[in-house]
């Protein structure tokens, strides 16, 4: 059992602050890897997750990518850090939390893409003009900032 699950046993559904990381993966054709998540409701987003005790945010991004996709990330580059009242989440089970998300990107990765079906429905590379409409709002914001910075 992980840190978040252990903590929830102690505090129930009360609001907490969690740190997480996401990783934007861009292939050589300019496509972005998106994850269709089981929760919330099949929305598309960026691979990532919450920090475990003792991890750095870079380690979170790498671990989550490996666990969810089977891919190994190369050098990571910081996009931005996202936090504040706009990053409050109430999960379907009633858990409440504010998340501090550290977003990275890389175009260096190796491995064979596979879907961990405990958390994901699908993974697919999309051109930015073809992103699905059903996206996690905060992840769409991260992608827009990444794409804006990429074009400079």
N, C-alpha and C. Protein backbone atom coordinates (compact mmCIF):
# COMPACT_ATOMS: atom_id res chain seq x y z
N UNK A 1 0.85 -1.18 0.00
CA UNK A 1 0.00 0.00 0.00
C UNK A 1 0.89 1.24 0.00
N UNK A 2 0.45 2.29 -0.70
CA UNK A 2 1.23 3.49 -0.83
C UNK A 2 0.95 4.54 0.24
N UNK A 3 1.71 5.58 0.18
CA UNK A 3 1.64 6.67 1.14
C UNK A 3 0.24 7.28 1.18
N UNK A 4 -0.33 7.56 0.01
CA UNK A 4 -1.64 8.21 -0.04
C UNK A 4 -2.70 7.33 0.62
N UNK A 5 -2.68 6.06 0.32
CA UNK A 5 -3.66 5.13 0.90
C UNK A 5 -3.50 5.05 2.41
N UNK A 6 -2.26 4.99 2.89
CA UNK A 6 -2.00 4.95 4.33
C UNK A 6 -2.50 6.23 5.01
N UNK A 7 -2.23 7.36 4.39
CA UNK A 7 -2.66 8.64 4.95
C UNK A 7 -4.19 8.74 4.99
N UNK A 8 -4.85 8.28 3.95
CA UNK A 8 -6.31 8.33 3.90
C UNK A 8 -6.94 7.50 5.01
N UNK A 9 -6.30 6.40 5.41
CA UNK A 9 -6.82 5.59 6.52
C UNK A 9 -6.86 6.41 7.81
N UNK A 10 -5.93 7.34 7.95
CA UNK A 10 -5.85 8.16 9.16
C UNK A 10 -6.79 9.36 9.14
N UNK A 11 -6.97 9.99 7.97
CA UNK A 11 -7.70 11.27 7.93
C UNK A 11 -9.03 11.19 7.20
N UNK A 12 -9.35 10.06 6.61
CA UNK A 12 -10.61 9.95 5.88
C UNK A 12 -10.61 10.81 4.63
N UNK A 13 -11.72 11.51 4.40
CA UNK A 13 -11.90 12.29 3.17
C UNK A 13 -11.46 13.75 3.30
N UNK A 14 -10.97 14.15 4.48
CA UNK A 14 -10.61 15.56 4.71
C UNK A 14 -9.62 16.06 3.66
N UNK A 15 -9.67 17.37 3.35
CA UNK A 15 -8.75 17.92 2.35
C UNK A 15 -7.29 17.79 2.78
N UNK A 16 -6.47 17.38 1.85
CA UNK A 16 -5.03 17.23 2.05
C UNK A 16 -4.30 17.94 0.92
N UNK A 17 -3.00 18.12 1.09
CA UNK A 17 -2.15 18.66 0.03
C UNK A 17 -1.24 17.53 -0.43
N UNK A 18 -1.26 17.27 -1.74
CA UNK A 18 -0.39 16.25 -2.33
C UNK A 18 0.49 16.87 -3.39
N UNK A 19 1.65 16.28 -3.58
CA UNK A 19 2.56 16.69 -4.65
C UNK A 19 2.57 15.58 -5.68
N UNK A 20 2.51 15.97 -6.93
CA UNK A 20 2.56 15.00 -8.01
C UNK A 20 3.39 15.53 -9.16
N UNK A 21 3.58 14.69 -10.15
CA UNK A 21 4.32 15.09 -11.35
C UNK A 21 3.67 14.44 -12.56
N UNK A 22 3.73 15.16 -13.67
CA UNK A 22 3.30 14.65 -14.96
C UNK A 22 4.44 14.82 -15.95
N UNK A 23 4.39 14.01 -17.01
CA UNK A 23 5.48 14.03 -17.98
C UNK A 23 4.91 14.05 -19.40
N UNK A 24 5.17 15.16 -20.09
CA UNK A 24 4.79 15.30 -21.49
C UNK A 24 5.85 14.62 -22.33
N UNK A 25 5.41 13.61 -23.10
CA UNK A 25 6.31 12.88 -23.99
C UNK A 25 5.98 13.29 -25.42
N UNK A 26 6.99 13.80 -26.14
CA UNK A 26 6.79 14.16 -27.54
C UNK A 26 7.65 13.25 -28.40
N UNK A 27 7.04 12.68 -29.44
CA UNK A 27 7.80 11.81 -30.33
C UNK A 27 8.48 12.63 -31.44
N UNK A 28 9.22 11.96 -32.30
CA UNK A 28 9.97 12.64 -33.37
C UNK A 28 9.08 13.26 -34.43
N UNK A 29 7.79 12.94 -34.42
CA UNK A 29 6.85 13.50 -35.39
C UNK A 29 6.06 14.68 -34.82
N UNK A 30 6.38 15.10 -33.59
CA UNK A 30 5.68 16.22 -32.97
C UNK A 30 4.37 15.83 -32.32
N UNK A 31 4.16 14.53 -32.12
CA UNK A 31 2.94 14.06 -31.46
C UNK A 31 3.19 13.92 -29.96
N UNK A 32 2.13 14.11 -29.17
CA UNK A 32 2.19 14.04 -27.71
C UNK A 32 1.49 12.77 -27.25
N UNK A 33 2.12 12.05 -26.30
CA UNK A 33 1.52 10.85 -25.73
C UNK A 33 0.47 11.23 -24.70
N UNK A 34 -0.76 10.75 -24.91
CA UNK A 34 -1.84 10.98 -23.95
C UNK A 34 -2.36 9.65 -23.43
N UNK A 35 -2.82 9.70 -22.20
CA UNK A 35 -3.35 8.54 -21.49
C UNK A 35 -4.85 8.71 -21.32
N UNK A 36 -5.61 7.72 -21.78
CA UNK A 36 -7.04 7.73 -21.47
C UNK A 36 -7.19 7.02 -20.13
N UNK A 37 -7.56 7.79 -19.12
CA UNK A 37 -7.60 7.31 -17.75
C UNK A 37 -8.95 6.68 -17.43
N UNK A 38 -8.92 5.64 -16.62
CA UNK A 38 -10.18 5.05 -16.16
C UNK A 38 -10.94 6.05 -15.30
N UNK A 39 -10.19 6.79 -14.47
CA UNK A 39 -10.79 7.79 -13.59
C UNK A 39 -10.07 9.11 -13.83
N UNK A 40 -10.71 10.20 -14.06
CA UNK A 40 -12.16 10.37 -14.03
C UNK A 40 -12.81 10.12 -15.39
N UNK A 41 -13.71 9.23 -15.43
CA UNK A 41 -14.64 9.02 -16.54
C UNK A 41 -14.02 8.92 -17.93
N UNK A 42 -12.90 8.25 -18.06
CA UNK A 42 -12.29 8.04 -19.37
C UNK A 42 -11.67 9.26 -19.99
N UNK A 43 -11.40 10.28 -19.18
CA UNK A 43 -10.79 11.49 -19.72
C UNK A 43 -9.34 11.22 -20.13
N UNK A 44 -8.88 12.00 -21.09
CA UNK A 44 -7.51 11.91 -21.56
C UNK A 44 -6.64 12.87 -20.76
N UNK A 45 -5.40 12.48 -20.51
CA UNK A 45 -4.48 13.33 -19.77
C UNK A 45 -3.04 12.95 -20.05
N UNK A 46 -2.17 13.48 -19.23
CA UNK A 46 -0.73 13.26 -19.34
C UNK A 46 -0.34 12.19 -18.32
N UNK A 47 0.55 11.27 -18.69
CA UNK A 47 1.00 10.29 -17.70
C UNK A 47 1.60 10.98 -16.47
N UNK A 48 1.27 10.46 -15.30
CA UNK A 48 1.80 11.02 -14.07
C UNK A 48 1.05 10.52 -12.87
N UNK A 49 1.44 11.01 -11.71
CA UNK A 49 0.78 10.59 -10.49
C UNK A 49 1.36 11.28 -9.27
N UNK A 50 1.02 10.75 -8.10
CA UNK A 50 1.39 11.38 -6.83
C UNK A 50 2.69 10.82 -6.28
N UNK A 51 3.35 11.67 -5.51
CA UNK A 51 4.64 11.37 -4.90
C UNK A 51 4.49 10.36 -3.76
N UNK A 52 5.45 9.46 -3.68
CA UNK A 52 5.59 8.56 -2.53
C UNK A 52 6.67 9.13 -1.62
N UNK A 53 6.70 8.70 -0.38
CA UNK A 53 7.70 9.20 0.57
C UNK A 53 9.12 9.01 0.04
N UNK A 54 9.93 10.04 0.17
CA UNK A 54 11.33 9.96 -0.20
C UNK A 54 11.63 10.21 -1.67
N UNK A 55 10.61 10.39 -2.51
CA UNK A 55 10.84 10.60 -3.93
C UNK A 55 11.04 12.08 -4.25
N UNK A 56 11.81 12.32 -5.30
CA UNK A 56 11.87 13.66 -5.90
C UNK A 56 10.76 13.73 -6.94
N UNK A 57 10.43 14.92 -7.41
CA UNK A 57 9.40 15.03 -8.43
C UNK A 57 9.86 14.40 -9.74
N UNK A 58 11.15 14.46 -10.03
CA UNK A 58 11.67 13.80 -11.22
C UNK A 58 11.48 12.29 -11.12
N UNK A 59 11.73 11.75 -9.94
CA UNK A 59 11.54 10.31 -9.73
C UNK A 59 10.08 9.91 -9.88
N UNK A 60 9.17 10.76 -9.40
CA UNK A 60 7.74 10.50 -9.56
C UNK A 60 7.39 10.41 -11.04
N UNK A 61 7.83 11.40 -11.81
CA UNK A 61 7.52 11.42 -13.25
C UNK A 61 8.04 10.16 -13.94
N UNK A 62 9.27 9.79 -13.63
CA UNK A 62 9.87 8.60 -14.25
C UNK A 62 9.16 7.31 -13.82
N UNK A 63 8.88 7.19 -12.51
CA UNK A 63 8.22 5.98 -12.00
C UNK A 63 6.83 5.82 -12.60
N UNK A 64 6.06 6.90 -12.58
CA UNK A 64 4.70 6.83 -13.10
C UNK A 64 4.69 6.49 -14.59
N UNK A 65 5.61 7.08 -15.35
CA UNK A 65 5.68 6.76 -16.77
C UNK A 65 5.97 5.28 -16.97
N UNK A 66 6.94 4.76 -16.24
CA UNK A 66 7.30 3.35 -16.37
C UNK A 66 6.14 2.45 -15.95
N UNK A 67 5.51 2.75 -14.81
CA UNK A 67 4.41 1.92 -14.32
C UNK A 67 3.21 1.93 -15.28
N UNK A 68 2.90 3.10 -15.82
CA UNK A 68 1.69 3.24 -16.62
C UNK A 68 1.88 2.85 -18.08
N UNK A 69 3.13 2.99 -18.60
CA UNK A 69 3.33 2.80 -20.04
C UNK A 69 4.40 1.78 -20.40
N UNK A 70 5.29 1.44 -19.46
CA UNK A 70 6.43 0.59 -19.79
C UNK A 70 7.57 1.36 -20.43
N UNK A 71 7.44 2.69 -20.57
CA UNK A 71 8.48 3.50 -21.19
C UNK A 71 9.44 4.06 -20.15
N UNK A 72 10.69 4.24 -20.56
CA UNK A 72 11.73 4.81 -19.71
C UNK A 72 12.08 6.18 -20.26
N UNK A 73 11.99 7.20 -19.41
CA UNK A 73 12.24 8.58 -19.83
C UNK A 73 13.73 8.89 -19.82
N UNK A 74 14.15 9.71 -20.78
CA UNK A 74 15.50 10.24 -20.81
C UNK A 74 15.57 11.51 -19.98
N UNK A 75 16.30 12.50 -20.47
CA UNK A 75 16.47 13.76 -19.74
C UNK A 75 15.14 14.49 -19.62
N UNK A 76 14.85 14.99 -18.41
CA UNK A 76 13.61 15.72 -18.16
C UNK A 76 13.88 17.22 -18.14
N UNK A 77 12.90 17.98 -18.63
CA UNK A 77 12.98 19.44 -18.64
C UNK A 77 11.72 19.98 -17.98
N UNK A 78 11.87 20.97 -17.13
CA UNK A 78 10.75 21.55 -16.39
C UNK A 78 9.89 22.42 -17.29
N UNK A 79 8.57 22.22 -17.23
CA UNK A 79 7.62 23.12 -17.89
C UNK A 79 7.20 24.19 -16.90
N UNK A 80 6.65 23.77 -15.74
CA UNK A 80 6.20 24.71 -14.72
C UNK A 80 5.71 23.93 -13.51
N UNK A 81 5.39 24.67 -12.45
CA UNK A 81 4.79 24.11 -11.25
C UNK A 81 3.42 24.75 -11.10
N UNK A 82 2.40 23.91 -10.85
CA UNK A 82 1.01 24.37 -10.80
C UNK A 82 0.45 24.09 -9.41
N UNK A 83 -0.17 25.12 -8.81
CA UNK A 83 -0.72 24.95 -7.46
C UNK A 83 -1.77 26.04 -7.21
N UNK A 84 -2.43 25.93 -6.06
CA UNK A 84 -3.39 26.95 -5.68
C UNK A 84 -4.82 26.46 -5.67
N UNK A 85 -5.73 27.39 -5.41
CA UNK A 85 -7.14 27.04 -5.24
C UNK A 85 -7.76 26.42 -6.49
N UNK A 86 -7.21 26.69 -7.66
CA UNK A 86 -7.73 26.11 -8.89
C UNK A 86 -7.33 24.66 -9.07
N UNK A 87 -6.53 24.14 -8.14
CA UNK A 87 -6.04 22.76 -8.25
C UNK A 87 -6.60 21.89 -7.12
N UNK A 88 -7.84 22.19 -6.77
CA UNK A 88 -8.58 21.40 -5.78
C UNK A 88 -9.33 20.29 -6.51
N UNK A 89 -9.29 19.10 -5.94
CA UNK A 89 -9.97 17.94 -6.56
C UNK A 89 -10.81 17.25 -5.49
N UNK A 90 -12.01 16.90 -5.89
CA UNK A 90 -12.84 16.03 -5.06
C UNK A 90 -13.06 14.76 -5.86
N UNK A 91 -12.46 13.67 -5.41
CA UNK A 91 -12.53 12.39 -6.12
C UNK A 91 -13.92 11.80 -6.02
N UNK A 92 -14.19 10.86 -6.89
CA UNK A 92 -15.50 10.20 -6.91
C UNK A 92 -15.82 9.53 -5.58
N UNK A 93 -14.79 9.10 -4.85
CA UNK A 93 -15.02 8.42 -3.56
C UNK A 93 -15.16 9.40 -2.40
N UNK A 94 -15.10 10.72 -2.68
CA UNK A 94 -15.25 11.73 -1.64
C UNK A 94 -13.95 12.30 -1.11
N UNK A 95 -12.82 11.71 -1.45
CA UNK A 95 -11.52 12.25 -1.03
C UNK A 95 -11.33 13.65 -1.61
N UNK A 96 -10.85 14.57 -0.76
CA UNK A 96 -10.60 15.94 -1.20
C UNK A 96 -9.11 16.25 -1.06
N UNK A 97 -8.56 16.93 -2.08
CA UNK A 97 -7.16 17.32 -1.98
C UNK A 97 -6.83 18.47 -2.92
N UNK A 98 -5.81 19.19 -2.53
CA UNK A 98 -5.18 20.19 -3.36
C UNK A 98 -3.91 19.54 -3.87
N UNK A 99 -3.63 19.71 -5.13
CA UNK A 99 -2.45 19.07 -5.68
C UNK A 99 -1.48 20.13 -6.20
N UNK A 100 -0.22 19.93 -5.88
CA UNK A 100 0.88 20.71 -6.44
C UNK A 100 1.47 19.81 -7.52
N UNK A 101 1.34 20.23 -8.78
CA UNK A 101 1.80 19.41 -9.90
C UNK A 101 3.02 20.02 -10.53
N UNK A 102 4.07 19.21 -10.64
CA UNK A 102 5.29 19.61 -11.32
C UNK A 102 5.26 18.94 -12.69
N UNK A 103 5.30 19.76 -13.74
CA UNK A 103 5.19 19.24 -15.10
C UNK A 103 6.54 19.29 -15.80
N UNK A 104 6.89 18.16 -16.40
CA UNK A 104 8.13 18.01 -17.16
C UNK A 104 7.81 17.61 -18.59
N UNK A 105 8.83 17.73 -19.45
CA UNK A 105 8.70 17.19 -20.80
C UNK A 105 10.01 16.53 -21.21
N UNK A 106 9.89 15.62 -22.16
CA UNK A 106 11.06 15.00 -22.77
C UNK A 106 10.68 14.47 -24.14
N UNK A 107 11.66 14.40 -25.01
CA UNK A 107 11.48 13.69 -26.28
C UNK A 107 12.44 12.51 -26.35
N UNK A 108 13.02 12.19 -25.20
CA UNK A 108 13.93 11.05 -25.08
C UNK A 108 13.24 9.96 -24.26
N UNK A 109 12.92 8.87 -24.90
CA UNK A 109 12.31 7.76 -24.18
C UNK A 109 12.63 6.47 -24.93
N UNK A 110 12.54 5.35 -24.20
CA UNK A 110 12.77 4.05 -24.79
C UNK A 110 11.79 3.05 -24.19
N UNK A 111 11.71 1.90 -24.82
CA UNK A 111 10.81 0.86 -24.34
C UNK A 111 9.67 0.62 -25.30
N UNK A 112 8.83 -0.32 -24.95
CA UNK A 112 7.67 -0.66 -25.76
C UNK A 112 6.42 -0.24 -24.99
N UNK A 113 5.60 0.58 -25.64
CA UNK A 113 4.40 1.12 -25.01
C UNK A 113 3.41 0.00 -24.71
N UNK A 114 3.00 -0.07 -23.44
CA UNK A 114 1.97 -1.03 -23.03
C UNK A 114 1.03 -0.32 -22.05
N UNK A 115 -0.18 -0.81 -21.96
CA UNK A 115 -1.20 -0.17 -21.12
C UNK A 115 -1.33 -0.93 -19.81
N UNK A 116 -1.11 -0.23 -18.68
CA UNK A 116 -1.41 -0.79 -17.36
C UNK A 116 -2.91 -0.60 -17.15
N UNK A 117 -3.65 -1.68 -17.25
CA UNK A 117 -5.10 -1.58 -17.25
C UNK A 117 -5.72 -1.32 -15.88
N UNK A 118 -4.91 -1.21 -14.83
CA UNK A 118 -5.48 -0.85 -13.53
C UNK A 118 -5.86 0.62 -13.49
N UNK A 119 -5.14 1.47 -14.24
CA UNK A 119 -5.39 2.91 -14.23
C UNK A 119 -5.80 3.46 -15.59
N UNK A 120 -5.48 2.74 -16.64
CA UNK A 120 -5.61 3.29 -17.99
C UNK A 120 -6.51 2.45 -18.88
N UNK A 121 -7.12 3.14 -19.82
CA UNK A 121 -7.89 2.48 -20.87
C UNK A 121 -7.02 2.35 -22.12
N UNK A 122 -6.28 3.42 -22.43
CA UNK A 122 -5.52 3.46 -23.66
C UNK A 122 -4.43 4.52 -23.58
N UNK A 123 -3.43 4.38 -24.44
CA UNK A 123 -2.42 5.41 -24.68
C UNK A 123 -2.35 5.62 -26.17
N UNK A 124 -2.19 6.88 -26.56
CA UNK A 124 -2.11 7.17 -27.98
C UNK A 124 -1.32 8.47 -28.17
N UNK A 125 -0.54 8.53 -29.25
CA UNK A 125 0.15 9.77 -29.61
C UNK A 125 -0.79 10.60 -30.48
N UNK A 126 -0.92 11.89 -30.13
CA UNK A 126 -1.79 12.82 -30.86
C UNK A 126 -0.99 14.02 -31.33
N UNK A 127 -1.31 14.50 -32.54
CA UNK A 127 -0.83 15.81 -32.94
C UNK A 127 -1.62 16.84 -32.13
N UNK A 128 -0.98 17.95 -31.76
CA UNK A 128 -1.68 18.93 -30.93
C UNK A 128 -3.02 19.41 -31.49
N UNK A 129 -3.15 19.50 -32.80
CA UNK A 129 -4.43 19.96 -33.37
C UNK A 129 -5.49 18.86 -33.35
N UNK A 130 -5.11 17.63 -32.94
CA UNK A 130 -6.05 16.52 -32.88
C UNK A 130 -6.31 16.03 -31.46
N UNK A 131 -5.95 16.82 -30.44
CA UNK A 131 -6.19 16.39 -29.07
C UNK A 131 -7.67 16.07 -28.88
N UNK A 132 -7.98 15.03 -28.09
CA UNK A 132 -9.38 14.72 -27.82
C UNK A 132 -10.05 15.84 -27.02
N UNK A 133 -11.35 15.96 -27.17
CA UNK A 133 -12.10 16.99 -26.43
C UNK A 133 -12.23 16.64 -24.96
N UNK A 134 -12.31 15.36 -24.65
CA UNK A 134 -12.54 14.89 -23.29
C UNK A 134 -11.20 14.80 -22.54
N UNK A 135 -10.66 15.97 -22.16
CA UNK A 135 -9.36 16.01 -21.49
C UNK A 135 -9.48 16.54 -20.07
N UNK A 136 -8.57 16.09 -19.20
CA UNK A 136 -8.44 16.65 -17.86
C UNK A 136 -8.05 18.12 -18.05
N UNK A 137 -8.85 19.03 -17.47
CA UNK A 137 -8.66 20.46 -17.69
C UNK A 137 -7.27 20.97 -17.35
N UNK A 138 -6.75 20.57 -16.20
CA UNK A 138 -5.42 21.04 -15.80
C UNK A 138 -4.34 20.50 -16.73
N UNK A 139 -4.53 19.31 -17.27
CA UNK A 139 -3.55 18.74 -18.19
C UNK A 139 -3.58 19.48 -19.53
N UNK A 140 -4.77 19.89 -19.96
CA UNK A 140 -4.88 20.68 -21.19
C UNK A 140 -4.13 22.00 -21.03
N UNK A 141 -4.25 22.62 -19.85
CA UNK A 141 -3.53 23.87 -19.57
C UNK A 141 -2.02 23.65 -19.63
N UNK A 142 -1.55 22.57 -19.04
CA UNK A 142 -0.11 22.24 -19.07
C UNK A 142 0.35 22.06 -20.51
N UNK A 143 -0.42 21.33 -21.29
CA UNK A 143 -0.04 21.10 -22.69
C UNK A 143 -0.01 22.39 -23.49
N UNK A 144 -0.96 23.29 -23.24
CA UNK A 144 -0.95 24.57 -23.94
C UNK A 144 0.29 25.38 -23.60
N UNK A 145 0.68 25.37 -22.32
CA UNK A 145 1.90 26.09 -21.93
C UNK A 145 3.13 25.43 -22.55
N UNK A 146 3.17 24.11 -22.56
CA UNK A 146 4.29 23.41 -23.18
C UNK A 146 4.40 23.75 -24.67
N UNK A 147 3.28 23.69 -25.38
CA UNK A 147 3.29 23.96 -26.81
C UNK A 147 3.67 25.40 -27.11
N UNK A 148 3.23 26.32 -26.27
CA UNK A 148 3.59 27.73 -26.45
C UNK A 148 5.10 27.91 -26.27
N UNK A 149 5.67 27.28 -25.25
CA UNK A 149 7.11 27.36 -25.00
C UNK A 149 7.93 26.66 -26.07
N UNK A 150 7.38 25.61 -26.62
CA UNK A 150 8.08 24.84 -27.67
C UNK A 150 8.23 25.65 -28.95
N UNK A 151 7.27 26.52 -29.21
CA UNK A 151 7.30 27.27 -30.47
C UNK A 151 8.22 28.49 -30.43
N UNK A 152 8.81 28.75 -29.27
CA UNK A 152 9.71 29.93 -29.15
C UNK A 152 11.07 29.62 -29.73
